[in-house]
Amino acid sequence: MLGILPQVNRAQQSSDRKTANQLSVQLELQADCFAGVWASQAVKSGLFERGDEEKAFNAAEAVGDDRLQKNAAKVMWYRIVSLTVHLHNV
């Protein structure tokens, strides 16, 4: 929709491995931000209840590749903060 993924893919192709990995993490954080915006609207419209947040975080952690990263705890913290802030403040 916004063309973010193709932009990141092009940037990764012309980057070294470390930069490409950083771009990947930033892309995931952006996706989490968008998910938080959507989730906030879903809560407001009654699509699901606030108690479902923990289940969503657990599911995201289980399927994400954060566990493979050296700084997984830091990345997961940023992801949770990003999603939670938007879930409650949008």
Protein backbone atom coordinates (compact mmCIF):
# COMPACT_ATOMS: atom_id res chain seq x y z
CA MET A 1 0.00 0.00 0.00
CA LEU A 2 2.64 2.52 1.00
CA GLY A 3 5.54 1.00 -0.90
CA ILE A 4 7.72 0.66 2.18
CA LEU A 5 8.75 -2.96 1.60
CA PRO A 6 10.12 -2.42 -1.93
CA GLN A 7 12.04 0.64 -0.70
CA VAL A 8 13.62 -1.36 2.12
CA ASN A 9 14.41 -4.25 -0.22
CA ARG A 10 16.22 -1.88 -2.62
CA ALA A 11 18.14 -0.30 0.26
CA GLN A 12 19.14 -3.75 1.57
CA GLN A 13 20.48 -4.80 -1.84
CA SER A 14 22.94 -1.91 -1.85
CA SER A 15 23.93 -2.28 1.82
CA ASP A 16 26.37 -4.34 3.79
CA ARG A 17 25.03 -7.20 5.89
CA LYS A 18 24.90 -5.25 9.16
CA THR A 19 22.98 -2.36 7.60
CA ALA A 20 20.64 -4.76 5.79
CA ASN A 21 19.85 -6.46 9.12
CA GLN A 22 19.22 -3.08 10.77
CA LEU A 23 16.84 -2.16 7.95
CA SER A 24 15.02 -5.45 8.47
CA VAL A 25 14.56 -4.74 12.17
CA GLN A 26 13.34 -1.22 11.42
CA LEU A 27 10.87 -2.61 8.89
CA GLU A 28 9.51 -5.03 11.50
CA LEU A 29 9.14 -2.18 14.00
CA GLN A 30 7.25 -0.16 11.41
CA ALA A 31 4.95 -3.13 10.79
CA ASP A 32 4.36 -3.40 14.54
CA CYS A 33 3.49 0.29 14.64
CA PHE A 34 0.92 -0.22 11.88
CA ALA A 35 -0.41 -3.25 13.72
CA GLY A 36 -0.83 -1.12 16.83
CA VAL A 37 -2.84 1.45 14.90
CA TRP A 38 -5.06 -1.28 13.47
CA ALA A 39 -5.43 -2.99 16.86
CA SER A 40 -6.41 0.27 18.52
CA GLN A 41 -9.18 0.77 16.01
CA ALA A 42 -10.23 -2.87 16.38
CA VAL A 43 -10.54 -2.44 20.17
CA LYS A 44 -12.56 0.75 19.74
CA SER A 45 -14.91 -0.94 17.28
CA GLY A 46 -15.34 -4.01 19.51
CA LEU A 47 -13.58 -6.44 17.18
CA PHE A 48 -11.68 -7.88 20.13
CA GLU A 49 -11.16 -7.15 23.79
CA ARG A 50 -8.17 -5.55 25.49
CA GLY A 51 -7.42 -8.85 27.24
CA ASP A 52 -6.43 -10.23 23.87
CA GLU A 53 -3.26 -8.08 23.87
CA GLU A 54 -1.18 -10.58 25.82
CA LYS A 55 -2.21 -13.38 23.49
CA ALA A 56 -1.19 -11.27 20.51
CA PHE A 57 2.20 -10.44 22.03
CA ASN A 58 2.83 -14.11 22.81
CA ALA A 59 1.88 -15.13 19.28
CA ALA A 60 4.09 -12.43 17.74
CA GLU A 61 7.02 -13.51 19.88
CA ALA A 62 6.53 -17.17 19.02
CA VAL A 63 6.53 -16.66 15.24
CA GLY A 64 9.02 -13.81 15.01
CA ASP A 65 12.69 -14.25 14.23
CA ASP A 66 13.69 -12.12 17.21
CA ARG A 67 14.77 -15.19 19.15
CA LEU A 68 17.52 -15.72 16.60
CA GLN A 69 18.95 -12.27 17.06
CA LYS A 70 21.66 -11.39 19.50
CA ASN A 71 19.68 -8.45 20.84
CA ALA A 72 16.31 -10.19 20.88
CA ALA A 73 15.24 -8.81 24.26
CA LYS A 74 15.85 -5.23 23.18
CA VAL A 75 14.09 -5.71 19.84
CA MET A 76 11.11 -7.43 21.45
CA TRP A 77 10.87 -4.62 24.01
CA TYR A 78 10.73 -2.04 21.23
CA ARG A 79 8.11 -4.10 19.41
CA ILE A 80 5.91 -4.38 22.50
CA VAL A 81 6.26 -0.69 23.32
CA SER A 82 5.45 0.29 19.73
CA LEU A 83 2.36 -1.88 19.59
CA THR A 84 1.15 -0.99 23.10
CA VAL A 85 1.57 2.76 22.65
CA HIS A 86 -0.46 2.73 19.47
CA LEU A 87 -3.01 0.29 20.84
CA HIS A 88 -3.86 2.62 23.70
CA ASN A 89 -3.25 6.06 22.21
CA VAL A 90 -4.60 6.11 18.70
